Amino acid sequence: MSHKRPDPKTNPTPWYVHRQLCQDYRQIANNGGDFEMLKALKIIRSILVNIGIIAVAIYSLQAGADPTTLGGLTVATLGLYNGVELADYAALAQAFSQAKGQEQTEQAQGQETQTKLNDN
C-alpha cells in the first residue's frame, strides 16, 4: 500500500470519499483485482451483518429486554454500520471510476502514439 498522499489536482475525489481508501482500492485494481467481486462481497457482508443485528435485537426483545432502549440502540447501530459501509462503497465506486478513466486515457495515448509512428 502506498503511503504518499495523492495530489487533489490530478486525482480529484468528492469530499465524502476517503482518499486513502480510494487510493488503496485503485492499487488493488492496478494489481489485477476484480471490482465486481469486491462489490458483491461487500453487499453480501452488509446484508449478513444487518440480519445479524436485527436477529440479536429480536431475540433480546423476546428474552424480555426493554423495547425503548433496545429499539434506540438497534437503530443507532444499524445507522452507524450502514454509514460506514456506504462510505466504503463510495470509495470503491470512486476508485472504479478513476481506474476506468485512467485506462481510457492510456488507451487514447497509445492510439495517438501509434498514429504518430504510422505517419512517420
PDB file of N, CA and C in Angstrom:
ATOM      1  N   MET A   1       0.830  -1.178   0.000  1.00  0.00           N
ATOM      2  CA  MET A   1       0.000   0.000   0.000  1.00  0.00           C
ATOM      3  C   MET A   1       0.877   1.245   0.000  1.00  0.00           C
ATOM      4  N   SER A   2       0.449   2.185  -0.786  1.00  0.00           N
ATOM      5  CA  SER A   2       1.199   3.425  -0.904  1.00  0.00           C
ATOM      6  C   SER A   2       0.814   4.372   0.239  1.00  0.00           C
ATOM      7  N   HIS A   3       1.821   5.005   0.815  1.00  0.00           N
ATOM      8  CA  HIS A   3       1.539   5.929   1.912  1.00  0.00           C
ATOM      9  C   HIS A   3       1.693   7.381   1.493  1.00  0.00           C
ATOM     10  N   LYS A   4       2.047   7.624   0.221  1.00  0.00           N
ATOM     11  CA  LYS A   4       2.127   9.019  -0.210  1.00  0.00           C
ATOM     12  C   LYS A   4       0.733   9.536  -0.517  1.00  0.00           C
ATOM     13  N   ARG A   5       0.530  10.791  -0.225  1.00  0.00           N
ATOM     14  CA  ARG A   5      -0.775  11.418  -0.401  1.00  0.00           C
ATOM     15  C   ARG A   5      -1.019  11.720  -1.868  1.00  0.00           C
ATOM     16  N   PRO A   6      -2.199  11.340  -2.400  1.00  0.00           N
ATOM     17  CA  PRO A   6      -2.485  11.660  -3.788  1.00  0.00           C
ATOM     18  C   PRO A   6      -2.705  13.159  -3.964  1.00  0.00           C
ATOM     19  N   ASP A   7      -2.317  13.659  -5.113  1.00  0.00           N
ATOM     20  CA  ASP A   7      -2.474  15.080  -5.422  1.00  0.00           C
ATOM     21  C   ASP A   7      -3.936  15.361  -5.774  1.00  0.00           C
ATOM     22  N   PRO A   8      -4.618  16.253  -5.034  1.00  0.00           N
ATOM     23  CA  PRO A   8      -6.035  16.516  -5.297  1.00  0.00           C
ATOM     24  C   PRO A   8      -6.294  17.113  -6.681  1.00  0.00           C
ATOM     25  N   LYS A   9      -5.294  17.767  -7.275  1.00  0.00           N
ATOM     26  CA  LYS A   9      -5.495  18.377  -8.590  1.00  0.00           C
ATOM     27  C   LYS A   9      -5.486  17.326  -9.700  1.00  0.00           C
ATOM     28  N   THR A  10      -4.604  16.356  -9.599  1.00  0.00           N
ATOM     29  CA  THR A  10      -4.529  15.315 -10.625  1.00  0.00           C
ATOM     30  C   THR A  10      -5.427  14.134 -10.315  1.00  0.00           C
ATOM     31  N   ASN A  11      -5.848  14.011  -9.088  1.00  0.00           N
ATOM     32  CA  ASN A  11      -6.661  12.872  -8.661  1.00  0.00           C
ATOM     33  C   ASN A  11      -7.831  13.370  -7.822  1.00  0.00           C
ATOM     34  N   PRO A  12      -8.811  14.044  -8.458  1.00  0.00           N
ATOM     35  CA  PRO A  12      -9.904  14.623  -7.669  1.00  0.00           C
ATOM     36  C   PRO A  12     -10.862  13.564  -7.139  1.00  0.00           C
ATOM     37  N   THR A  13     -11.236  13.706  -5.895  1.00  0.00           N
ATOM     38  CA  THR A  13     -12.247  12.842  -5.293  1.00  0.00           C
ATOM     39  C   THR A  13     -13.254  13.728  -4.577  1.00  0.00           C
ATOM     40  N   PRO A  14     -14.516  13.306  -4.546  1.00  0.00           N
ATOM     41  CA  PRO A  14     -15.519  14.095  -3.816  1.00  0.00           C
ATOM     42  C   PRO A  14     -15.186  14.169  -2.328  1.00  0.00           C
ATOM     43  N   TRP A  15     -15.751  15.134  -1.661  1.00  0.00           N
ATOM     44  CA  TRP A  15     -15.452  15.359  -0.244  1.00  0.00           C
ATOM     45  C   TRP A  15     -15.855  14.193   0.635  1.00  0.00           C
ATOM     46  N   TYR A  16     -16.868  13.429   0.227  1.00  0.00           N
ATOM     47  CA  TYR A  16     -17.367  12.341   1.070  1.00  0.00           C
ATOM     48  C   TYR A  16     -16.596  11.032   0.885  1.00  0.00           C
ATOM     49  N   VAL A  17     -15.600  11.016   0.010  1.00  0.00           N
ATOM     50  CA  VAL A  17     -14.820   9.801  -0.236  1.00  0.00           C
ATOM     51  C   VAL A  17     -13.475   9.914   0.473  1.00  0.00           C
ATOM     52  N   HIS A  18     -13.139   8.912   1.249  1.00  0.00           N
ATOM     53  CA  HIS A  18     -11.855   8.873   1.949  1.00  0.00           C
ATOM     54  C   HIS A  18     -10.768   8.606   0.916  1.00  0.00           C
ATOM     55  N   ARG A  19      -9.863   9.586   0.738  1.00  0.00           N
ATOM     56  CA  ARG A  19      -8.860   9.497  -0.337  1.00  0.00           C
ATOM     57  C   ARG A  19      -7.944   8.291  -0.205  1.00  0.00           C
ATOM     58  N   GLN A  20      -7.496   7.989   1.006  1.00  0.00           N
ATOM     59  CA  GLN A  20      -6.561   6.883   1.182  1.00  0.00           C
ATOM     60  C   GLN A  20      -7.227   5.551   0.862  1.00  0.00           C
ATOM     61  N   LEU A  21      -8.481   5.394   1.259  1.00  0.00           N
ATOM     62  CA  LEU A  21      -9.212   4.173   0.959  1.00  0.00           C
ATOM     63  C   LEU A  21      -9.405   4.028  -0.550  1.00  0.00           C
ATOM     64  N   CYS A  22      -9.725   5.128  -1.205  1.00  0.00           N
ATOM     65  CA  CYS A  22      -9.883   5.121  -2.656  1.00  0.00           C
ATOM     66  C   CYS A  22      -8.562   4.746  -3.328  1.00  0.00           C
ATOM     67  N   GLN A  23      -7.468   5.312  -2.840  1.00  0.00           N
ATOM     68  CA  GLN A  23      -6.135   5.007  -3.372  1.00  0.00           C
ATOM     69  C   GLN A  23      -5.809   3.520  -3.187  1.00  0.00           C
ATOM     70  N   ASP A  24      -6.161   2.960  -2.058  1.00  0.00           N
ATOM     71  CA  ASP A  24      -5.921   1.530  -1.815  1.00  0.00           C
ATOM     72  C   ASP A  24      -6.713   0.666  -2.792  1.00  0.00           C
ATOM     73  N   TYR A  25      -7.961   1.039  -3.039  1.00  0.00           N
ATOM     74  CA  TYR A  25      -8.771   0.285  -3.997  1.00  0.00           C
ATOM     75  C   TYR A  25      -8.197   0.399  -5.413  1.00  0.00           C
ATOM     76  N   ARG A  26      -7.693   1.571  -5.762  1.00  0.00           N
ATOM     77  CA  ARG A  26      -7.074   1.725  -7.090  1.00  0.00           C
ATOM     78  C   ARG A  26      -5.833   0.857  -7.209  1.00  0.00           C
ATOM     79  N   GLN A  27      -5.087   0.746  -6.132  1.00  0.00           N
ATOM     80  CA  GLN A  27      -3.905  -0.106  -6.152  1.00  0.00           C
ATOM     81  C   GLN A  27      -4.312  -1.572  -6.327  1.00  0.00           C
ATOM     82  N   ILE A  28      -5.406  -1.968  -5.693  1.00  0.00           N
ATOM     83  CA  ILE A  28      -5.921  -3.324  -5.883  1.00  0.00           C
ATOM     84  C   ILE A  28      -6.275  -3.540  -7.352  1.00  0.00           C
ATOM     85  N   ALA A  29      -6.907  -2.546  -7.960  1.00  0.00           N
ATOM     86  CA  ALA A  29      -7.284  -2.651  -9.375  1.00  0.00           C
ATOM     87  C   ALA A  29      -6.049  -2.745 -10.263  1.00  0.00           C
ATOM     88  N   ASN A  30      -5.026  -1.963  -9.948  1.00  0.00           N
ATOM     89  CA  ASN A  30      -3.803  -1.987 -10.748  1.00  0.00           C
ATOM     90  C   ASN A  30      -3.067  -3.313 -10.623  1.00  0.00           C
ATOM     91  N   ASN A  31      -3.274  -4.019  -9.524  1.00  0.00           N
ATOM     92  CA  ASN A  31      -2.631  -5.318  -9.323  1.00  0.00           C
ATOM     93  C   ASN A  31      -3.494  -6.472  -9.823  1.00  0.00           C
ATOM     94  N   GLY A  32      -4.559  -6.160 -10.564  1.00  0.00           N
ATOM     95  CA  GLY A  32      -5.387  -7.204 -11.154  1.00  0.00           C
ATOM     96  C   GLY A  32      -6.583  -7.612 -10.325  1.00  0.00           C
ATOM     97  N   GLY A  33      -6.970  -6.803  -9.347  1.00  0.00           N
ATOM     98  CA  GLY A  33      -8.139  -7.120  -8.526  1.00  0.00           C
ATOM     99  C   GLY A  33      -9.436  -6.992  -9.312  1.00  0.00           C
ATOM    100  N   ASP A  34     -10.477  -7.647  -8.849  1.00  0.00           N
ATOM    101  CA  ASP A  34     -11.774  -7.656  -9.519  1.00  0.00           C
ATOM    102  C   ASP A  34     -12.760  -6.797  -8.731  1.00  0.00           C
ATOM    103  N   PHE A  35     -13.140  -5.652  -9.290  1.00  0.00           N
ATOM    104  CA  PHE A  35     -14.053  -4.737  -8.613  1.00  0.00           C
ATOM    105  C   PHE A  35     -15.444  -5.337  -8.449  1.00  0.00           C
ATOM    106  N   GLU A  36     -15.901  -6.070  -9.438  1.00  0.00           N
ATOM    107  CA  GLU A  36     -17.239  -6.658  -9.353  1.00  0.00           C
ATOM    108  C   GLU A  36     -17.326  -7.652  -8.198  1.00  0.00           C
ATOM    109  N   MET A  37     -16.286  -8.447  -8.012  1.00  0.00           N
ATOM    110  CA  MET A  37     -16.278  -9.414  -6.913  1.00  0.00           C
ATOM    111  C   MET A  37     -16.235  -8.682  -5.570  1.00  0.00           C
ATOM    112  N   LEU A  38     -15.411  -7.644  -5.473  1.00  0.00           N
ATOM    113  CA  LEU A  38     -15.341  -6.851  -4.242  1.00  0.00           C
ATOM    114  C   LEU A  38     -16.699  -6.247  -3.911  1.00  0.00           C
ATOM    115  N   LYS A  39     -17.358  -5.708  -4.929  1.00  0.00           N
ATOM    116  CA  LYS A  39     -18.668  -5.097  -4.735  1.00  0.00           C
ATOM    117  C   LYS A  39     -19.667  -6.142  -4.232  1.00  0.00           C
ATOM    118  N   ALA A  40     -19.677  -7.307  -4.860  1.00  0.00           N
ATOM    119  CA  ALA A  40     -20.610  -8.358  -4.453  1.00  0.00           C
ATOM    120  C   ALA A  40     -20.333  -8.813  -3.023  1.00  0.00           C
ATOM    121  N   LEU A  41     -19.067  -8.974  -2.670  1.00  0.00           N
ATOM    122  CA  LEU A  41     -18.733  -9.403  -1.313  1.00  0.00           C
ATOM    123  C   LEU A  41     -19.123  -8.362  -0.266  1.00  0.00           C
ATOM    124  N   LYS A  42     -18.947  -7.095  -0.595  1.00  0.00           N
ATOM    125  CA  LYS A  42     -19.327  -6.034   0.338  1.00  0.00           C
ATOM    126  C   LYS A  42     -20.840  -6.014   0.565  1.00  0.00           C
ATOM    127  N   ILE A  43     -21.591  -6.208  -0.499  1.00  0.00           N
ATOM    128  CA  ILE A  43     -23.053  -6.212  -0.379  1.00  0.00           C
ATOM    129  C   ILE A  43     -23.512  -7.409   0.448  1.00  0.00           C
ATOM    130  N   ILE A  44     -22.944  -8.575   0.173  1.00  0.00           N
ATOM    131  CA  ILE A  44     -23.304  -9.776   0.936  1.00  0.00           C
ATOM    132  C   ILE A  44     -22.949  -9.601   2.410  1.00  0.00           C
ATOM    133  N   ARG A  45     -21.757  -9.058   2.688  1.00  0.00           N
ATOM    134  CA  ARG A  45     -21.347  -8.834   4.078  1.00  0.00           C
ATOM    135  C   ARG A  45     -22.303  -7.873   4.774  1.00  0.00           C
ATOM    136  N   SER A  46     -22.680  -6.818   4.088  1.00  0.00           N
ATOM    137  CA  SER A  46     -23.586  -5.834   4.669  1.00  0.00           C
ATOM    138  C   SER A  46     -24.947  -6.447   4.998  1.00  0.00           C
ATOM    139  N   ILE A  47     -25.470  -7.232   4.082  1.00  0.00           N
ATOM    140  CA  ILE A  47     -26.764  -7.880   4.317  1.00  0.00           C
ATOM    141  C   ILE A  47     -26.678  -8.823   5.513  1.00  0.00           C
ATOM    142  N   LEU A  48     -25.625  -9.622   5.574  1.00  0.00           N
ATOM    143  CA  LEU A  48     -25.483 -10.576   6.682  1.00  0.00           C
ATOM    144  C   LEU A  48     -25.340  -9.874   8.027  1.00  0.00           C
ATOM    145  N   VAL A  49     -24.568  -8.803   8.075  1.00  0.00           N
ATOM    146  CA  VAL A  49     -24.399  -8.083   9.340  1.00  0.00           C
ATOM    147  C   VAL A  49     -25.715  -7.429   9.759  1.00  0.00           C
ATOM    148  N   ASN A  50     -26.441  -6.846   8.814  1.00  0.00           N
ATOM    149  CA  ASN A  50     -27.736  -6.241   9.141  1.00  0.00           C
ATOM    150  C   ASN A  50     -28.707  -7.283   9.670  1.00  0.00           C
ATOM    151  N   ILE A  51     -28.754  -8.445   9.027  1.00  0.00           N
ATOM    152  CA  ILE A  51     -29.627  -9.527   9.508  1.00  0.00           C
ATOM    153  C   ILE A  51     -29.209  -9.959  10.911  1.00  0.00           C
ATOM    154  N   GLY A  52     -27.908 -10.037  11.156  1.00  0.00           N
ATOM    155  CA  GLY A  52     -27.412 -10.411  12.479  1.00  0.00           C
ATOM    156  C   GLY A  52     -27.806  -9.417  13.555  1.00  0.00           C
ATOM    157  N   ILE A  53     -27.673  -8.137  13.257  1.00  0.00           N
ATOM    158  CA  ILE A  53     -28.043  -7.100  14.237  1.00  0.00           C
ATOM    159  C   ILE A  53     -29.539  -7.178  14.542  1.00  0.00           C
ATOM    160  N   ILE A  54     -30.339  -7.325  13.497  1.00  0.00           N
ATOM    161  CA  ILE A  54     -31.790  -7.401  13.693  1.00  0.00           C
ATOM    162  C   ILE A  54     -32.172  -8.671  14.450  1.00  0.00           C
ATOM    163  N   ALA A  55     -31.511  -9.783  14.147  1.00  0.00           N
ATOM    164  CA  ALA A  55     -31.810 -11.046  14.844  1.00  0.00           C
ATOM    165  C   ALA A  55     -31.485 -10.952  16.332  1.00  0.00           C
ATOM    166  N   VAL A  56     -30.360 -10.328  16.662  1.00  0.00           N
ATOM    167  CA  VAL A  56     -29.998 -10.165  18.074  1.00  0.00           C
ATOM    168  C   VAL A  56     -31.022  -9.274  18.774  1.00  0.00           C
ATOM    169  N   ALA A  57     -31.468  -8.224  18.090  1.00  0.00           N
ATOM    170  CA  ALA A  57     -32.464  -7.330  18.686  1.00  0.00           C
ATOM    171  C   ALA A  57     -33.781  -8.058  18.929  1.00  0.00           C
ATOM    172  N   ILE A  58     -34.222  -8.851  17.959  1.00  0.00           N
ATOM    173  CA  ILE A  58     -35.480  -9.596  18.116  1.00  0.00           C
ATOM    174  C   ILE A  58     -35.358 -10.614  19.238  1.00  0.00           C
ATOM    175  N   TYR A  59     -34.243 -11.319  19.278  1.00  0.00           N
ATOM    176  CA  TYR A  59     -34.045 -12.300  20.354  1.00  0.00           C
ATOM    177  C   TYR A  59     -34.043 -11.609  21.723  1.00  0.00           C
ATOM    178  N   SER A  60     -33.392 -10.453  21.803  1.00  0.00           N
ATOM    179  CA  SER A  60     -33.355  -9.718  23.076  1.00  0.00           C
ATOM    180  C   SER A  60     -34.749  -9.277  23.495  1.00  0.00           C
ATOM    181  N   LEU A  61     -35.562  -8.859  22.543  1.00  0.00           N
ATOM    182  CA  LEU A  61     -36.936  -8.467  22.858  1.00  0.00           C
ATOM    183  C   LEU A  61     -37.739  -9.657  23.363  1.00  0.00           C
ATOM    184  N   GLN A  62     -37.535 -10.800  22.730  1.00  0.00           N
ATOM    185  CA  GLN A  62     -38.248 -11.998  23.168  1.00  0.00           C
ATOM    186  C   GLN A  62     -37.776 -12.457  24.544  1.00  0.00           C
ATOM    187  N   ALA A  63     -36.521 -12.158  24.865  1.00  0.00           N
ATOM    188  CA  ALA A  63     -35.980 -12.556  26.170  1.00  0.00           C
ATOM    189  C   ALA A  63     -36.370 -11.570  27.263  1.00  0.00           C
ATOM    190  N   GLY A  64     -37.005 -10.457  26.890  1.00  0.00           N
ATOM    191  CA  GLY A  64     -37.504  -9.539  27.898  1.00  0.00           C
ATOM    192  C   GLY A  64     -36.748  -8.231  28.037  1.00  0.00           C
ATOM    193  N   ALA A  65     -35.990  -7.862  27.036  1.00  0.00           N
ATOM    194  CA  ALA A  65     -35.254  -6.592  27.097  1.00  0.00           C
ATOM    195  C   ALA A  65     -36.223  -5.416  26.976  1.00  0.00           C
ATOM    196  N   ASP A  66     -35.790  -4.252  27.441  1.00  0.00           N
ATOM    197  CA  ASP A  66     -36.599  -3.041  27.363  1.00  0.00           C
ATOM    198  C   ASP A  66     -36.717  -2.604  25.900  1.00  0.00           C
ATOM    199  N   PRO A  67     -37.925  -2.550  25.342  1.00  0.00           N
ATOM    200  CA  PRO A  67     -38.096  -2.217  23.926  1.00  0.00           C
ATOM    201  C   PRO A  67     -37.625  -0.807  23.557  1.00  0.00           C
ATOM    202  N   THR A  68     -37.810   0.142  24.459  1.00  0.00           N
ATOM    203  CA  THR A  68     -37.408   1.513  24.158  1.00  0.00           C
ATOM    204  C   THR A  68     -35.898   1.627  24.026  1.00  0.00           C
ATOM    205  N   THR A  69     -35.188   1.104  24.979  1.00  0.00           N
ATOM    206  CA  THR A  69     -33.721   1.168  24.955  1.00  0.00           C
ATOM    207  C   THR A  69     -33.168   0.349  23.797  1.00  0.00           C
ATOM    208  N   LEU A  70     -33.664  -0.863  23.663  1.00  0.00           N
ATOM    209  CA  LEU A  70     -33.154  -1.757  22.618  1.00  0.00           C
ATOM    210  C   LEU A  70     -33.471  -1.212  21.225  1.00  0.00           C
ATOM    211  N   GLY A  71     -34.655  -0.654  21.057  1.00  0.00           N
ATOM    212  CA  GLY A  71     -35.015  -0.077  19.758  1.00  0.00           C
ATOM    213  C   GLY A  71     -34.081   1.053  19.362  1.00  0.00           C
ATOM    214  N   GLY A  72     -33.812   1.935  20.308  1.00  0.00           N
ATOM    215  CA  GLY A  72     -32.893   3.046  20.035  1.00  0.00           C
ATOM    216  C   GLY A  72     -31.487   2.572  19.723  1.00  0.00           C
ATOM    217  N   LEU A  73     -31.006   1.618  20.514  1.00  0.00           N
ATOM    218  CA  LEU A  73     -29.656   1.092  20.273  1.00  0.00           C
ATOM    219  C   LEU A  73     -29.566   0.362  18.938  1.00  0.00           C
ATOM    220  N   THR A  74     -30.605  -0.373  18.591  1.00  0.00           N
ATOM    221  CA  THR A  74     -30.604  -1.107  17.322  1.00  0.00           C
ATOM    222  C   THR A  74     -30.590  -0.147  16.139  1.00  0.00           C
ATOM    223  N   VAL A  75     -31.431   0.865  16.187  1.00  0.00           N
ATOM    224  CA  VAL A  75     -31.477   1.838  15.095  1.00  0.00           C
ATOM    225  C   VAL A  75     -30.138   2.578  14.994  1.00  0.00           C
ATOM    226  N   ALA A  76     -29.569   2.963  16.125  1.00  0.00           N
ATOM    227  CA  ALA A  76     -28.281   3.654  16.116  1.00  0.00           C
ATOM    228  C   ALA A  76     -27.176   2.750  15.544  1.00  0.00           C
ATOM    229  N   THR A  77     -27.169   1.485  15.961  1.00  0.00           N
ATOM    230  CA  THR A  77     -26.162   0.543  15.477  1.00  0.00           C
ATOM    231  C   THR A  77     -26.303   0.322  13.978  1.00  0.00           C
ATOM    232  N   LEU A  78     -27.525   0.116  13.526  1.00  0.00           N
ATOM    233  CA  LEU A  78     -27.748  -0.071  12.089  1.00  0.00           C
ATOM    234  C   LEU A  78     -27.344   1.175  11.303  1.00  0.00           C
ATOM    235  N   GLY A  79     -27.687   2.337  11.817  1.00  0.00           N
ATOM    236  CA  GLY A  79     -27.318   3.581  11.139  1.00  0.00           C
ATOM    237  C   GLY A  79     -25.818   3.775  11.050  1.00  0.00           C
ATOM    238  N   LEU A  80     -25.118   3.546  12.161  1.00  0.00           N
ATOM    239  CA  LEU A  80     -23.662   3.702  12.151  1.00  0.00           C
ATOM    240  C   LEU A  80     -22.993   2.692  11.230  1.00  0.00           C
ATOM    241  N   TYR A  81     -23.397   1.445  11.323  1.00  0.00           N
ATOM    242  CA  TYR A  81     -22.777   0.414  10.492  1.00  0.00           C
ATOM    243  C   TYR A  81     -23.023   0.683   9.007  1.00  0.00           C
ATOM    244  N   ASN A  82     -24.265   1.006   8.666  1.00  0.00           N
ATOM    245  CA  ASN A  82     -24.575   1.255   7.255  1.00  0.00           C
ATOM    246  C   ASN A  82     -23.918   2.537   6.746  1.00  0.00           C
ATOM    247  N   GLY A  83     -23.697   3.507   7.614  1.00  0.00           N
ATOM    248  CA  GLY A  83     -22.960   4.701   7.218  1.00  0.00           C
ATOM    249  C   GLY A  83     -21.516   4.391   6.875  1.00  0.00           C
ATOM    250  N   VAL A  84     -20.898   3.549   7.679  1.00  0.00           N
ATOM    251  CA  VAL A  84     -19.513   3.139   7.401  1.00  0.00           C
ATOM    252  C   VAL A  84     -19.463   2.334   6.105  1.00  0.00           C
ATOM    253  N   GLU A  85     -20.428   1.439   5.917  1.00  0.00           N
ATOM    254  CA  GLU A  85     -20.468   0.647   4.686  1.00  0.00           C
ATOM    255  C   GLU A  85     -20.681   1.538   3.465  1.00  0.00           C
ATOM    256  N   LEU A  86     -21.523   2.547   3.594  1.00  0.00           N
ATOM    257  CA  LEU A  86     -21.773   3.457   2.486  1.00  0.00           C
ATOM    258  C   LEU A  86     -20.510   4.233   2.120  1.00  0.00           C
ATOM    259  N   ALA A  87     -19.770   4.688   3.116  1.00  0.00           N
ATOM    260  CA  ALA A  87     -18.519   5.398   2.847  1.00  0.00           C
ATOM    261  C   ALA A  87     -17.511   4.480   2.159  1.00  0.00           C
ATOM    262  N   ASP A  88     -17.445   3.238   2.590  1.00  0.00           N
ATOM    263  CA  ASP A  88     -16.546   2.263   1.985  1.00  0.00           C
ATOM    264  C   ASP A  88     -16.955   1.985   0.539  1.00  0.00           C
ATOM    265  N   TYR A  89     -18.249   1.837   0.315  1.00  0.00           N
ATOM    266  CA  TYR A  89     -18.750   1.582  -1.030  1.00  0.00           C
ATOM    267  C   TYR A  89     -18.512   2.789  -1.944  1.00  0.00           C
ATOM    268  N   ALA A  90     -18.661   4.003  -1.408  1.00  0.00           N
ATOM    269  CA  ALA A  90     -18.413   5.204  -2.207  1.00  0.00           C
ATOM    270  C   ALA A  90     -16.944   5.272  -2.639  1.00  0.00           C
ATOM    271  N   ALA A  91     -16.041   4.888  -1.753  1.00  0.00           N
ATOM    272  CA  ALA A  91     -14.617   4.870  -2.104  1.00  0.00           C
ATOM    273  C   ALA A  91     -14.348   3.827  -3.182  1.00  0.00           C
ATOM    274  N   LEU A  92     -14.994   2.674  -3.080  1.00  0.00           N
ATOM    275  CA  LEU A  92     -14.835   1.631  -4.091  1.00  0.00           C
ATOM    276  C   LEU A  92     -15.356   2.109  -5.446  1.00  0.00           C
ATOM    277  N   ALA A  93     -16.518   2.737  -5.454  1.00  0.00           N
ATOM    278  CA  ALA A  93     -17.094   3.233  -6.704  1.00  0.00           C
ATOM    279  C   ALA A  93     -16.219   4.327  -7.321  1.00  0.00           C
ATOM    280  N   GLN A  94     -15.685   5.216  -6.497  1.00  0.00           N
ATOM    281  CA  GLN A  94     -14.810   6.282  -6.988  1.00  0.00           C
ATOM    282  C   GLN A  94     -13.526   5.690  -7.561  1.00  0.00           C
ATOM    283  N   ALA A  95     -12.958   4.710  -6.893  1.00  0.00           N
ATOM    284  CA  ALA A  95     -11.732   4.062  -7.386  1.00  0.00           C
ATOM    285  C   ALA A  95     -12.005   3.366  -8.717  1.00  0.00           C
ATOM    286  N   PHE A  96     -13.157   2.721  -8.832  1.00  0.00           N
ATOM    287  CA  PHE A  96     -13.532   2.058 -10.076  1.00  0.00           C
ATOM    288  C   PHE A  96     -13.635   3.083 -11.197  1.00  0.00           C
ATOM    289  N   SER A  97     -14.257   4.207 -10.911  1.00  0.00           N
ATOM    290  CA  SER A  97     -14.410   5.270 -11.899  1.00  0.00           C
ATOM    291  C   SER A  97     -13.051   5.830 -12.320  1.00  0.00           C
ATOM    292  N   GLN A  98     -12.177   6.066 -11.358  1.00  0.00           N
ATOM    293  CA  GLN A  98     -10.854   6.602 -11.669  1.00  0.00           C
ATOM    294  C   GLN A  98     -10.014   5.598 -12.444  1.00  0.00           C
ATOM    295  N   ALA A  99     -10.102   4.329 -12.084  1.00  0.00           N
ATOM    296  CA  ALA A  99      -9.334   3.299 -12.789  1.00  0.00           C
ATOM    297  C   ALA A  99      -9.805   3.178 -14.236  1.00  0.00           C
ATOM    298  N   LYS A 100     -11.116   3.259 -14.435  1.00  0.00           N
ATOM    299  CA  LYS A 100     -11.667   3.200 -15.785  1.00  0.00           C
ATOM    300  C   LYS A 100     -11.214   4.408 -16.606  1.00  0.00           C
ATOM    301  N   GLY A 101     -11.249   5.597 -15.991  1.00  0.00           N
ATOM    302  CA  GLY A 101     -10.800   6.809 -16.667  1.00  0.00           C
ATOM    303  C   GLY A 101      -9.331   6.751 -17.020  1.00  0.00           C
ATOM    304  N   GLN A 102      -8.526   6.219 -16.115  1.00  0.00           N
ATOM    305  CA  GLN A 102      -7.100   6.093 -16.361  1.00  0.00           C
ATOM    306  C   GLN A 102      -6.838   5.113 -17.509  1.00  0.00           C
ATOM    307  N   GLU A 103      -7.598   4.033 -17.540  1.00  0.00           N
ATOM    308  CA  GLU A 103      -7.470   3.035 -18.603  1.00  0.00           C
ATOM    309  C   GLU A 103      -7.791   3.650 -19.950  1.00  0.00           C
ATOM    310  N   GLN A 104      -8.873   4.430 -20.012  1.00  0.00           N
ATOM    311  CA  GLN A 104      -9.273   5.065 -21.264  1.00  0.00           C
ATOM    312  C   GLN A 104      -8.240   6.085 -21.712  1.00  0.00           C
ATOM    313  N   THR A 105      -7.678   6.830 -20.768  1.00  0.00           N
ATOM    314  CA  THR A 105      -6.647   7.811 -21.094  1.00  0.00           C
ATOM    315  C   THR A 105      -5.415   7.119 -21.661  1.00  0.00           C
ATOM    316  N   GLU A 106      -5.004   6.021 -21.033  1.00  0.00           N
ATOM    317  CA  GLU A 106      -3.839   5.285 -21.514  1.00  0.00           C
ATOM    318  C   GLU A 106      -4.083   4.714 -22.899  1.00  0.00           C
ATOM    319  N   GLN A 107      -5.302   4.220 -23.165  1.00  0.00           N
ATOM    320  CA  GLN A 107      -5.620   3.694 -24.486  1.00  0.00           C
ATOM    321  C   GLN A 107      -5.577   4.797 -25.536  1.00  0.00           C
ATOM    322  N   ALA A 108      -6.128   5.969 -25.196  1.00  0.00           N
ATOM    323  CA  ALA A 108      -6.123   7.093 -26.132  1.00  0.00           C
ATOM    324  C   ALA A 108      -4.694   7.542 -26.428  1.00  0.00           C
ATOM    325  N   GLN A 109      -3.848   7.578 -25.404  1.00  0.00           N
ATOM    326  CA  GLN A 109      -2.454   7.966 -25.602  1.00  0.00           C
ATOM    327  C   GLN A 109      -1.724   6.939 -26.455  1.00  0.00           C
ATOM    328  N   GLY A 110      -2.035   5.660 -26.247  1.00  0.00           N
ATOM    329  CA  GLY A 110      -1.425   4.600 -27.044  1.00  0.00           C
ATOM    330  C   GLY A 110      -1.823   4.706 -28.504  1.00  0.00           C
ATOM    331  N   GLN A 111      -3.082   5.012 -28.779  1.00  0.00           N
ATOM    332  CA  GLN A 111      -3.554   5.177 -30.148  1.00  0.00           C
ATOM    333  C   GLN A 111      -2.913   6.401 -30.792  1.00  0.00           C
ATOM    334  N   GLU A 112      -2.762   7.467 -30.006  1.00  0.00           N
ATOM    335  CA  GLU A 112      -2.140   8.692 -30.503  1.00  0.00           C
ATOM    336  C   GLU A 112      -0.684   8.432 -30.881  1.00  0.00           C
ATOM    337  N   THR A 113       0.021   7.699 -30.039  1.00  0.00           N
ATOM    338  CA  THR A 113       1.420   7.362 -30.290  1.00  0.00           C
ATOM    339  C   THR A 113       1.525   6.479 -31.533  1.00  0.00           C
ATOM    340  N   GLN A 114       0.620   5.523 -31.669  1.00  0.00           N
ATOM    341  CA  GLN A 114       0.631   4.624 -32.823  1.00  0.00           C
ATOM    342  C   GLN A 114       0.364   5.419 -34.107  1.00  0.00           C
ATOM    343  N   THR A 115      -0.537   6.383 -34.057  1.00  0.00           N
ATOM    344  CA  THR A 115      -0.839   7.208 -35.213  1.00  0.00           C
ATOM    345  C   THR A 115       0.387   8.020 -35.615  1.00  0.00           C
ATOM    346  N   LYS A 116       1.088   8.591 -34.645  1.00  0.00           N
ATOM    347  CA  LYS A 116       2.285   9.378 -34.937  1.00  0.00           C
ATOM    348  C   LYS A 116       3.369   8.507 -35.554  1.00  0.00           C
ATOM    349  N   LEU A 117       3.514   7.288 -35.049  1.00  0.00           N
ATOM    350  CA  LEU A 117       4.516   6.380 -35.605  1.00  0.00           C
ATOM    351  C   LEU A 117       4.164   5.970 -37.027  1.00  0.00           C
ATOM    352  N   ASN A 118       2.885   5.785 -37.306  1.00  0.00           N
ATOM    353  CA  ASN A 118       2.448   5.419 -38.648  1.00  0.00           C
ATOM    354  C   ASN A 118       2.648   6.563 -39.628  1.00  0.00           C
ATOM    355  N   ASP A 119       2.487   7.808 -39.151  1.00  0.00           N
ATOM    356  CA  ASP A 119       2.648   8.973 -40.010  1.00  0.00           C
ATOM    357  C   ASP A 119       4.107   9.174 -40.414  1.00  0.00           C
ATOM    358  N   ASN A 120       5.027   8.760 -39.543  1.00  0.00           N
ATOM    359  CA  ASN A 120       6.453   8.947 -39.843  1.00  0.00           C
ATOM    360  C   ASN A 120       6.889   7.830 -40.709  1.00  0.00           C
TER     361      ASN A 120
END
